[in-house]
C-alpha atoms as a PDB file:
ATOM      1  CA  MET A   1      52.131 192.383  70.918  1.00  0.00           C
ATOM      2  CA  SER A   2      53.781 190.135  68.300  1.00  0.00           C
ATOM      3  CA  VAL A   3      57.202 188.492  68.601  1.00  0.00           C
ATOM      4  CA  TYR A   4      58.498 190.821  65.863  1.00  0.00           C
ATOM      5  CA  SER A   5      57.499 193.968  67.778  1.00  0.00           C
ATOM      6  CA  LEU A   6      59.032 192.522  70.965  1.00  0.00           C
ATOM      7  CA  ILE A   7      62.334 191.955  69.157  1.00  0.00           C
ATOM      8  CA  SER A   8      62.290 195.534  67.817  1.00  0.00           C
ATOM      9  CA  GLN A   9      61.495 196.897  71.282  1.00  0.00           C
ATOM     10  CA  ASN A  10      64.256 194.757  72.766  1.00  0.00           C
ATOM     11  CA  LYS A  11      66.891 196.330  70.517  1.00  0.00           C
ATOM     12  CA  ARG A  12      65.760 199.871  71.414  1.00  0.00           C
ATOM     13  CA  LYS A  13      65.901 199.113  75.123  1.00  0.00           C
ATOM     14  CA  THR A  14      69.434 197.712  75.007  1.00  0.00           C
ATOM     15  CA  TRP A  15      71.184 201.070  74.927  1.00  0.00           C
ATOM     16  CA  LEU A  16      68.686 202.569  77.404  1.00  0.00           C
ATOM     17  CA  ILE A  17      69.409 199.830  79.956  1.00  0.00           C
ATOM     18  CA  MET A  18      73.153 200.321  79.517  1.00  0.00           C
ATOM     19  CA  PHE A  19      72.675 204.055  80.123  1.00  0.00           C
ATOM     20  CA  VAL A  20      70.623 203.368  83.277  1.00  0.00           C
ATOM     21  CA  PHE A  21      73.345 201.101  84.665  1.00  0.00           C
ATOM     22  CA  ILE A  22      75.978 203.770  84.044  1.00  0.00           C
ATOM     23  CA  LEU A  23      73.741 206.235  85.932  1.00  0.00           C
ATOM     24  CA  ILE A  24      73.411 203.770  88.845  1.00  0.00           C
ATOM     25  CA  PHE A  25      77.169 203.280  88.906  1.00  0.00           C
ATOM     26  CA  THR A  26      77.871 207.026  88.762  1.00  0.00           C
ATOM     27  CA  GLY A  27      75.205 207.803  91.385  1.00  0.00           C
ATOM     28  CA  PHE A  28      76.722 205.184  93.673  1.00  0.00           C
ATOM     29  CA  PHE A  29      80.083 206.921  93.441  1.00  0.00           C
ATOM     30  CA  TYR A  30      78.428 210.278  94.054  1.00  0.00           C
ATOM     31  CA  LEU A  31      76.990 208.964  97.358  1.00  0.00           C
ATOM     32  CA  ILE A  32      80.459 207.742  98.290  1.00  0.00           C
ATOM     33  CA  GLY A  33      81.812 211.214  97.488  1.00  0.00           C
ATOM     34  CA  GLN A  34      79.167 212.853  99.648  1.00  0.00           C
ATOM     35  CA  TYR A  35      80.271 210.806 102.628  1.00  0.00           C
ATOM     36  CA  LEU A  36      83.961 211.412 101.931  1.00  0.00           C
ATOM     37  CA  GLU A  37      83.257 215.126 101.279  1.00  0.00           C
ATOM     38  CA  SER A  38      84.484 215.003  97.670  1.00  0.00           C
ATOM     39  CA  PRO A  39      81.260 214.570  95.644  1.00  0.00           C
ATOM     40  CA  ARG A  40      82.514 216.119  92.396  1.00  0.00           C
ATOM     41  CA  TYR A  41      85.685 214.055  92.353  1.00  0.00           C
ATOM     42  CA  TYR A  42      83.853 210.783  92.966  1.00  0.00           C
ATOM     43  CA  LEU A  43      81.096 211.669  90.508  1.00  0.00           C
ATOM     44  CA  PHE A  44      83.721 212.131  87.804  1.00  0.00           C
ATOM     45  CA  LEU A  45      85.562 208.973  88.946  1.00  0.00           C
ATOM     46  CA  GLY A  46      82.367 206.898  88.791  1.00  0.00           C
ATOM     47  CA  LEU A  47      81.534 208.178  85.320  1.00  0.00           C
ATOM     48  CA  MET A  48      85.046 207.435  84.081  1.00  0.00           C
ATOM     49  CA  ILE A  49      85.140 203.908  85.550  1.00  0.00           C
ATOM     50  CA  SER A  50      81.674 202.951  84.287  1.00  0.00           C
ATOM     51  CA  THR A  51      82.353 204.340  80.810  1.00  0.00           C
ATOM     52  CA  SER A  52      85.810 202.770  80.501  1.00  0.00           C
ATOM     53  CA  SER A  53      84.468 199.436  81.837  1.00  0.00           C
ATOM     54  CA  SER A  54      81.706 199.517  79.230  1.00  0.00           C
ATOM     55  CA  ILE A  55      84.170 200.255  76.427  1.00  0.00           C
ATOM     56  CA  PHE A  56      86.586 197.548  77.625  1.00  0.00           C
ATOM     57  CA  SER A  57      83.850 194.918  77.897  1.00  0.00           C
ATOM     58  CA  TYR A  58      82.484 195.984  74.480  1.00  0.00           C
ATOM     59  CA  PHE A  59      85.748 195.077  72.756  1.00  0.00           C
ATOM     60  CA  PHE A  60      87.152 192.259  74.918  1.00  0.00           C
ATOM     61  CA  SER A  61      84.250 190.543  76.730  1.00  0.00           C
ATOM     62  CA  ASP A  62      84.140 187.580  74.310  1.00  0.00           C
ATOM     63  CA  LYS A  63      87.877 186.902  74.695  1.00  0.00           C
ATOM     64  CA  ILE A  64      87.635 187.094  78.494  1.00  0.00           C
ATOM     65  CA  VAL A  65      84.680 184.703  78.628  1.00  0.00           C
ATOM     66  CA  LEU A  66      86.212 182.143  76.236  1.00  0.00           C
ATOM     67  CA  LEU A  67      89.545 182.191  78.070  1.00  0.00           C
ATOM     68  CA  THR A  68      87.896 181.849  81.486  1.00  0.00           C
ATOM     69  CA  VAL A  69      85.716 178.848  80.567  1.00  0.00           C
ATOM     70  CA  GLY A  70      88.532 177.147  78.633  1.00  0.00           C
ATOM     71  CA  ALA A  71      86.744 177.168  75.270  1.00  0.00           C
ATOM     72  CA  LYS A  72      88.569 175.997  72.136  1.00  0.00           C
ATOM     73  CA  PRO A  73      87.719 176.520  68.431  1.00  0.00           C
ATOM     74  CA  ALA A  74      85.391 173.784  67.196  1.00  0.00           C
ATOM     75  CA  ASP A  75      86.865 171.421  64.608  1.00  0.00           C
ATOM     76  CA  LYS A  76      84.560 171.300  61.573  1.00  0.00           C
ATOM     77  CA  LYS A  77      85.151 167.601  60.841  1.00  0.00           C
ATOM     78  CA  LYS A  78      84.727 166.503  64.447  1.00  0.00           C
ATOM     79  CA  TYR A  79      81.615 168.634  65.098  1.00  0.00           C
ATOM     80  CA  PHE A  80      80.037 168.508  61.655  1.00  0.00           C
ATOM     81  CA  ASP A  81      76.408 168.776  62.853  1.00  0.00           C
ATOM     82  CA  PHE A  82      77.297 171.808  64.991  1.00  0.00           C
ATOM     83  CA  TYR A  83      78.871 173.568  62.001  1.00  0.00           C
ATOM     84  CA  THR A  84      76.218 172.764  59.419  1.00  0.00           C
ATOM     85  CA  THR A  85      73.406 173.613  61.822  1.00  0.00           C
ATOM     86  CA  ALA A  86      74.988 176.992  62.613  1.00  0.00           C
ATOM     87  CA  GLU A  87      75.556 177.704  58.905  1.00  0.00           C
ATOM     88  CA  ASN A  88      71.988 176.869  57.907  1.00  0.00           C
ATOM     89  CA  LEU A  89      70.348 178.741  60.782  1.00  0.00           C
ATOM     90  CA  SER A  90      72.569 181.797  60.297  1.00  0.00           C
ATOM     91  CA  ILE A  91      71.294 182.039  56.726  1.00  0.00           C
ATOM     92  CA  ALA A  92      67.699 181.612  57.937  1.00  0.00           C
ATOM     93  CA  ALA A  93      68.178 184.309  60.589  1.00  0.00           C
ATOM     94  CA  GLY A  94      69.935 186.703  58.204  1.00  0.00           C
ATOM     95  CA  LEU A  95      73.103 186.727  60.322  1.00  0.00           C
ATOM     96  CA  PRO A  96      76.804 186.271  59.544  1.00  0.00           C
ATOM     97  CA  MET A  97      78.140 182.861  60.494  1.00  0.00           C
ATOM     98  CA  PRO A  98      79.401 183.140  64.111  1.00  0.00           C
ATOM     99  CA  LYS A  99      82.670 181.628  65.267  1.00  0.00           C
ATOM    100  CA  LEU A 100      82.100 178.245  66.905  1.00  0.00           C
ATOM    101  CA  TYR A 101      83.807 177.058  70.084  1.00  0.00           C
ATOM    102  CA  VAL A 102      83.508 174.012  72.345  1.00  0.00           C
ATOM    103  CA  ILE A 103      84.106 173.416  76.056  1.00  0.00           C
ATOM    104  CA  GLU A 104      85.291 170.008  77.239  1.00  0.00           C
ATOM    105  CA  ASP A 105      82.464 169.457  79.700  1.00  0.00           C
ATOM    106  CA  ASP A 106      80.145 166.452  79.888  1.00  0.00           C
ATOM    107  CA  THR A 107      77.231 168.611  81.101  1.00  0.00           C
ATOM    108  CA  PRO A 108      75.107 169.769  78.108  1.00  0.00           C
ATOM    109  CA  ASN A 109      74.931 173.562  77.768  1.00  0.00           C
ATOM    110  CA  ALA A 110      75.707 176.428  75.382  1.00  0.00           C
ATOM    111  CA  PHE A 111      76.088 180.207  75.265  1.00  0.00           C
ATOM    112  CA  ALA A 112      76.737 183.106  72.892  1.00  0.00           C
ATOM    113  CA  THR A 113      79.013 186.085  73.389  1.00  0.00           C
ATOM    114  CA  GLY A 114      80.525 188.974  71.403  1.00  0.00           C
ATOM    115  CA  ARG A 115      79.749 192.634  70.815  1.00  0.00           C
ATOM    116  CA  ASP A 116      77.584 192.399  67.677  1.00  0.00           C
ATOM    117  CA  PRO A 117      76.493 189.933  64.949  1.00  0.00           C
ATOM    118  CA  ASN A 118      79.739 190.516  63.034  1.00  0.00           C
ATOM    119  CA  HIS A 119      81.888 189.601  66.058  1.00  0.00           C
ATOM    120  CA  ALA A 120      79.780 186.853  67.625  1.00  0.00           C
ATOM    121  CA  VAL A 121      80.670 183.487  69.088  1.00  0.00           C
ATOM    122  CA  VAL A 122      78.470 180.467  69.804  1.00  0.00           C
ATOM    123  CA  CYS A 123      79.985 177.999  72.232  1.00  0.00           C
ATOM    124  CA  ALA A 124      78.649 174.548  73.181  1.00  0.00           C
ATOM    125  CA  THR A 125      79.853 171.928  75.618  1.00  0.00           C
ATOM    126  CA  THR A 126      80.975 168.571  74.306  1.00  0.00           C
ATOM    127  CA  GLY A 127      78.230 167.055  76.443  1.00  0.00           C
ATOM    128  CA  LEU A 128      75.558 168.928  74.511  1.00  0.00           C
ATOM    129  CA  LEU A 129      76.963 167.938  71.119  1.00  0.00           C
ATOM    130  CA  LYS A 130      77.181 164.270  72.159  1.00  0.00           C
ATOM    131  CA  ARG A 131      73.901 163.878  74.036  1.00  0.00           C
ATOM    132  CA  LEU A 132      71.441 165.896  71.894  1.00  0.00           C
ATOM    133  CA  ASP A 133      70.201 164.945  68.437  1.00  0.00           C
ATOM    134  CA  ARG A 134      70.302 167.299  65.461  1.00  0.00           C
ATOM    135  CA  SER A 135      66.832 168.830  65.925  1.00  0.00           C
ATOM    136  CA  ASP A 136      67.664 169.576  69.573  1.00  0.00           C
ATOM    137  CA  ILE A 137      70.970 171.165  68.587  1.00  0.00           C
ATOM    138  CA  GLU A 138      69.097 173.280  66.022  1.00  0.00           C
ATOM    139  CA  GLY A 139      66.834 174.596  68.788  1.00  0.00           C
ATOM    140  CA  VAL A 140      69.808 175.458  71.011  1.00  0.00           C
ATOM    141  CA  VAL A 141      71.801 177.133  68.229  1.00  0.00           C
ATOM    142  CA  ALA A 142      68.716 179.103  67.113  1.00  0.00           C
ATOM    143  CA  HIS A 143      68.272 180.301  70.698  1.00  0.00           C
ATOM    144  CA  GLU A 144      71.885 181.528  70.818  1.00  0.00           C
ATOM    145  CA  LEU A 145      71.601 183.152  67.384  1.00  0.00           C
ATOM    146  CA  SER A 146      68.517 184.961  68.690  1.00  0.00           C
ATOM    147  CA  HIS A 147      70.593 186.403  71.537  1.00  0.00           C
ATOM    148  CA  ILE A 148      73.072 187.609  68.915  1.00  0.00           C
ATOM    149  CA  LYS A 149      70.377 189.098  66.675  1.00  0.00           C
ATOM    150  CA  ASN A 150      68.688 190.868  69.605  1.00  0.00           C
ATOM    151  CA  TYR A 151      72.045 192.237  70.882  1.00  0.00           C
ATOM    152  CA  ASP A 152      71.529 190.486  74.226  1.00  0.00           C
ATOM    153  CA  ILE A 153      75.167 189.378  74.190  1.00  0.00           C
ATOM    154  CA  LEU A 154      76.385 192.986  74.242  1.00  0.00           C
ATOM    155  CA  LEU A 155      74.081 194.016  77.071  1.00  0.00           C
ATOM    156  CA  ALA A 156      74.839 190.917  79.164  1.00  0.00           C
ATOM    157  CA  SER A 157      78.589 191.478  78.892  1.00  0.00           C
ATOM    158  CA  ILE A 158      78.588 195.185  79.736  1.00  0.00           C
ATOM    159  CA  VAL A 159      76.033 194.957  82.557  1.00  0.00           C
ATOM    160  CA  SER A 160      77.986 192.039  84.080  1.00  0.00           C
ATOM    161  CA  VAL A 161      81.153 194.131  84.188  1.00  0.00           C
ATOM    162  CA  LEU A 162      79.350 197.098  85.789  1.00  0.00           C
ATOM    163  CA  VAL A 163      77.512 194.981  88.368  1.00  0.00           C
ATOM    164  CA  GLY A 164      80.731 193.142  89.212  1.00  0.00           C
ATOM    165  CA  ALA A 165      82.590 196.436  89.626  1.00  0.00           C
ATOM    166  CA  ILE A 166      79.861 197.829  91.909  1.00  0.00           C
ATOM    167  CA  SER A 167      79.994 194.703  94.101  1.00  0.00           C
ATOM    168  CA  ILE A 168      83.800 194.751  94.377  1.00  0.00           C
ATOM    169  CA  ILE A 169      83.975 198.461  95.189  1.00  0.00           C
ATOM    170  CA  ALA A 170      81.143 198.228  97.740  1.00  0.00           C
ATOM    171  CA  ASP A 171      82.904 195.317  99.448  1.00  0.00           C
ATOM    172  CA  LEU A 172      86.231 197.181  99.596  1.00  0.00           C
ATOM    173  CA  LEU A 173      84.585 200.335 100.957  1.00  0.00           C
ATOM    174  CA  MET A 174      82.626 198.377 103.560  1.00  0.00           C
ATOM    175  CA  ARG A 175      85.835 196.740 104.771  1.00  0.00           C
ATOM    176  CA  SER A 176      87.694 200.064 104.901  1.00  0.00           C
ATOM    177  CA  PHE A 177      84.773 201.699 106.747  1.00  0.00           C
ATOM    178  CA  TRP A 178      85.030 199.273 109.688  1.00  0.00           C
ATOM    179  CA  TRP A 179      88.757 199.945 109.954  1.00  0.00           C
ATOM    180  CA  ARG A 180      88.463 203.720 109.996  1.00  0.00           C
ATOM    181  CA  GLY A 181      89.485 205.562 113.176  1.00  0.00           C
ATOM    182  CA  LYS A 182      86.764 206.529 115.655  1.00  0.00           C
ATOM    183  CA  ASP A 183      87.867 210.179 115.691  1.00  0.00           C
ATOM    184  CA  GLU A 184      87.429 210.387 111.941  1.00  0.00           C
ATOM    185  CA  ASP A 185      83.937 208.828 112.093  1.00  0.00           C
ATOM    186  CA  GLU A 186      82.792 211.200 114.850  1.00  0.00           C
ATOM    187  CA  ARG A 187      83.383 214.192 112.581  1.00  0.00           C
ATOM    188  CA  LYS A 188      80.933 212.796 110.009  1.00  0.00           C
ATOM    189  CA  ASN A 189      77.230 213.618 109.907  1.00  0.00           C
ATOM    190  CA  PRO A 190      75.463 210.573 111.496  1.00  0.00           C
ATOM    191  CA  LEU A 191      72.667 210.724 108.904  1.00  0.00           C
ATOM    192  CA  MET A 192      75.187 210.789 106.056  1.00  0.00           C
ATOM    193  CA  THR A 193      76.971 207.830 107.629  1.00  0.00           C
ATOM    194  CA  LEU A 194      73.732 205.814 107.665  1.00  0.00           C
ATOM    195  CA  VAL A 195      73.035 206.733 104.026  1.00  0.00           C
ATOM    196  CA  PHE A 196      76.587 205.697 103.115  1.00  0.00           C
ATOM    197  CA  ILE A 197      76.295 202.302 104.827  1.00  0.00           C
ATOM    198  CA  ALA A 198      72.832 201.701 103.349  1.00  0.00           C
ATOM    199  CA  SER A 199      74.081 202.497  99.835  1.00  0.00           C
ATOM    200  CA  LEU A 200      76.964 200.018 100.220  1.00  0.00           C
ATOM    201  CA  ILE A 201      74.435 197.290 101.043  1.00  0.00           C
ATOM    202  CA  ILE A 202      71.455 198.189  98.842  1.00  0.00           C
ATOM    203  CA  VAL A 203      72.980 199.407  95.560  1.00  0.00           C
ATOM    204  CA  PRO A 204      74.827 196.137  94.684  1.00  0.00           C
ATOM    205  CA  ILE A 205      71.687 194.123  95.495  1.00  0.00           C
ATOM    206  CA  VAL A 206      69.444 196.373  93.375  1.00  0.00           C
ATOM    207  CA  ALA A 207      71.901 196.320  90.462  1.00  0.00           C
ATOM    208  CA  THR A 208      72.117 192.519  90.633  1.00  0.00           C
ATOM    209  CA  LEU A 209      68.315 192.103  90.767  1.00  0.00           C
ATOM    210  CA  ILE A 210      67.911 194.368  87.716  1.00  0.00           C
ATOM    211  CA  GLN A 211      70.545 192.338  85.870  1.00  0.00           C
ATOM    212  CA  LEU A 212      68.822 189.060  86.740  1.00  0.00           C
ATOM    213  CA  ALA A 213      65.388 190.363  85.762  1.00  0.00           C
ATOM    214  CA  ILE A 214      66.759 191.478  82.389  1.00  0.00           C
ATOM    215  CA  SER A 215      68.420 188.080  81.849  1.00  0.00           C
ATOM    216  CA  ARG A 216      65.229 186.154  82.627  1.00  0.00           C
ATOM    217  CA  LYS A 217      63.059 188.279  80.321  1.00  0.00           C
ATOM    218  CA  ARG A 218      65.507 187.952  77.456  1.00  0.00           C
ATOM    219  CA  GLU A 219      65.647 184.183  77.807  1.00  0.00           C
ATOM    220  CA  TYR A 220      61.902 184.013  77.122  1.00  0.00           C
ATOM    221  CA  LEU A 221      62.307 186.308  74.117  1.00  0.00           C
ATOM    222  CA  ALA A 222      65.244 184.289  72.759  1.00  0.00           C
ATOM    223  CA  ASP A 223      63.132 181.116  73.035  1.00  0.00           C
ATOM    224  CA  ALA A 224      60.350 182.759  71.005  1.00  0.00           C
ATOM    225  CA  SER A 225      62.824 184.147  68.466  1.00  0.00           C
ATOM    226  CA  ALA A 226      64.398 180.698  68.060  1.00  0.00           C
ATOM    227  CA  VAL A 227      61.008 179.275  67.126  1.00  0.00           C
ATOM    228  CA  LEU A 228      60.682 181.937  64.419  1.00  0.00           C
ATOM    229  CA  ILE A 229      63.968 180.725  62.929  1.00  0.00           C
ATOM    230  CA  THR A 230      63.427 176.959  63.134  1.00  0.00           C
ATOM    231  CA  ARG A 231      59.589 176.858  62.965  1.00  0.00           C
ATOM    232  CA  ASN A 232      59.928 173.944  65.391  1.00  0.00           C
ATOM    233  CA  PRO A 233      59.178 174.783  69.056  1.00  0.00           C
ATOM    234  CA  HIS A 234      59.442 171.122  70.073  1.00  0.00           C
ATOM    235  CA  GLY A 235      63.124 170.951  69.111  1.00  0.00           C
ATOM    236  CA  LEU A 236      64.104 173.600  71.676  1.00  0.00           C
ATOM    237  CA  ALA A 237      61.608 172.244  74.229  1.00  0.00           C
ATOM    238  CA  ASP A 238      63.113 168.753  73.912  1.00  0.00           C
ATOM    239  CA  ALA A 239      66.622 170.192  74.231  1.00  0.00           C
ATOM    240  CA  LEU A 240      65.739 172.082  77.431  1.00  0.00           C
ATOM    241  CA  GLU A 241      64.085 168.982  78.845  1.00  0.00           C
ATOM    242  CA  LYS A 242      67.189 166.866  78.216  1.00  0.00           C
ATOM    243  CA  ILE A 243      69.602 169.515  79.514  1.00  0.00           C
ATOM    244  CA  SER A 244      67.596 169.854  82.733  1.00  0.00           C
ATOM    245  CA  GLN A 245      68.186 166.184  83.570  1.00  0.00           C
ATOM    246  CA  TYR A 246      71.909 166.643  84.179  1.00  0.00           C
ATOM    247  CA  GLN A 247      73.782 167.818  87.235  1.00  0.00           C
ATOM    248  CA  THR A 248      75.387 171.227  87.571  1.00  0.00           C
ATOM    249  CA  SER A 249      78.689 171.952  85.858  1.00  0.00           C
ATOM    250  CA  ARG A 250      81.933 172.071  87.808  1.00  0.00           C
ATOM    251  CA  PHE A 251      83.753 174.179  85.228  1.00  0.00           C
ATOM    252  CA  ILE A 252      81.633 177.347  84.882  1.00  0.00           C
ATOM    253  CA  PRO A 253      82.351 180.419  87.068  1.00  0.00           C
ATOM    254  CA  SER A 254      79.228 181.918  88.667  1.00  0.00           C
ATOM    255  CA  SER A 255      79.936 185.318  87.071  1.00  0.00           C
ATOM    256  CA  PHE A 256      79.230 183.829  83.616  1.00  0.00           C
ATOM    257  CA  ALA A 257      76.234 181.646  84.537  1.00  0.00           C
ATOM    258  CA  HIS A 258      73.726 184.096  83.033  1.00  0.00           C
ATOM    259  CA  LEU A 259      75.237 183.666  79.551  1.00  0.00           C
ATOM    260  CA  PHE A 260      74.241 179.996  79.210  1.00  0.00           C
ATOM    261  CA  ILE A 261      70.971 178.687  77.793  1.00  0.00           C
ATOM    262  CA  VAL A 262      70.359 176.926  81.136  1.00  0.00           C
ATOM    263  CA  ASN A 263      71.870 177.976  84.462  1.00  0.00           C
ATOM    264  CA  PRO A 264      74.981 175.738  84.664  1.00  0.00           C
ATOM    265  CA  LEU A 265      75.086 176.096  88.458  1.00  0.00           C
ATOM    266  CA  ASN A 266      71.470 175.054  89.026  1.00  0.00           C
ATOM    267  CA  ALA A 267      70.246 172.969  86.125  1.00  0.00           C
ATOM    268  CA  LYS A 268      67.160 171.787  88.000  1.00  0.00           C
ATOM    269  CA  ASN A 269      65.871 175.376  88.367  1.00  0.00           C
ATOM    270  CA  SER A 270      63.690 175.205  91.459  1.00  0.00           C
ATOM    271  CA  LEU A 271      60.257 176.783  91.219  1.00  0.00           C
ATOM    272  CA  SER A 272      60.482 178.467  94.623  1.00  0.00           C
ATOM    273  CA  TRP A 273      59.805 182.208  94.660  1.00  0.00           C
ATOM    274  CA  LEU A 274      63.047 183.123  96.441  1.00  0.00           C
ATOM    275  CA  ASN A 275      65.160 180.957  94.130  1.00  0.00           C
ATOM    276  CA  ASN A 276      63.556 182.505  91.047  1.00  0.00           C
ATOM    277  CA  LEU A 277      64.124 186.041  92.366  1.00  0.00           C
ATOM    278  CA  PHE A 278      67.889 185.485  92.492  1.00  0.00           C
ATOM    279  CA  SER A 279      68.093 183.155  89.487  1.00  0.00           C
ATOM    280  CA  THR A 280      69.785 184.109  86.228  1.00  0.00           C
ATOM    281  CA  HIS A 281      67.178 182.121  84.258  1.00  0.00           C
ATOM    282  CA  PRO A 282      63.416 181.575  84.311  1.00  0.00           C
ATOM    283  CA  PRO A 283      62.293 178.080  85.400  1.00  0.00           C
ATOM    284  CA  ILE A 284      62.984 175.468  82.731  1.00  0.00           C
ATOM    285  CA  GLN A 285      59.569 173.855  83.151  1.00  0.00           C
ATOM    286  CA  GLU A 286      57.858 177.182  82.472  1.00  0.00           C
ATOM    287  CA  ARG A 287      59.965 177.706  79.339  1.00  0.00           C
ATOM    288  CA  ILE A 288      59.142 174.200  78.144  1.00  0.00           C
ATOM    289  CA  ARG A 289      55.429 174.745  78.831  1.00  0.00           C
ATOM    290  CA  ILE A 290      55.372 177.943  76.744  1.00  0.00           C
ATOM    291  CA  LEU A 291      57.280 176.327  73.872  1.00  0.00           C
ATOM    292  CA  ARG A 292      54.994 173.286  73.768  1.00  0.00           C
ATOM    293  CA  SER A 293      51.931 175.558  73.679  1.00  0.00           C
ATOM    294  CA  MET A 294      53.131 177.310  70.502  1.00  0.00           C
END
């Protein structure tokens, strides 16, 4: 399968994955309703929350992310290479010029956000713009433009909101369950109680693992798509190699770690199986190896 067919398939799957997550969210609420003996009410409530969360994140996810990480609009004179690189690569990729932002952080990293190519943002840390040369920056920007072109930014934002909501609700319900009266619990079907407890534990984990698996796969695809734009796999490989040498960032919330080109909370990216299972990104060394083999 060629890179072009993978990109086309990726776009088709975006809406399907969003639909699956809404089903998981709604089904989770239905299980809650079964235990609380109001399945229809909770089914409707789950559908409403998941749908409204998706709509809210569709329109406002970029603003939330930029505000949370403290990003500011990039000055064209101060970050001339950043601007000209983004302009040139946007033309090459057939995309509108995204808005450019910077984060005052000495750790090199970057991410893209927004709901579609016409409302996209590419944000880089000051550390990346100072420490990487122009060809490296081109590789990074091309990677982020690839996320925009493949609509990864939309999926990442909406799925993050849904997974976060599932985790919060499961935690609140688990806490309330342990504080329920014994008389009330004795009236419940023991089997239904076990199913309820299991769903509170398993569903958030499954949703998170699906989210992480999607993020890792799309990082590989964005790397390949970036090479199509720049025709220079070594630029992105060099950039990843340099970024991996720095310590983790102190300024990035864990909920937004999956958006960055390299995990800002674990820049070294251990190759252990357990670490990779719960990692937002594939191992850097594996990404570099694939890029250098192109």
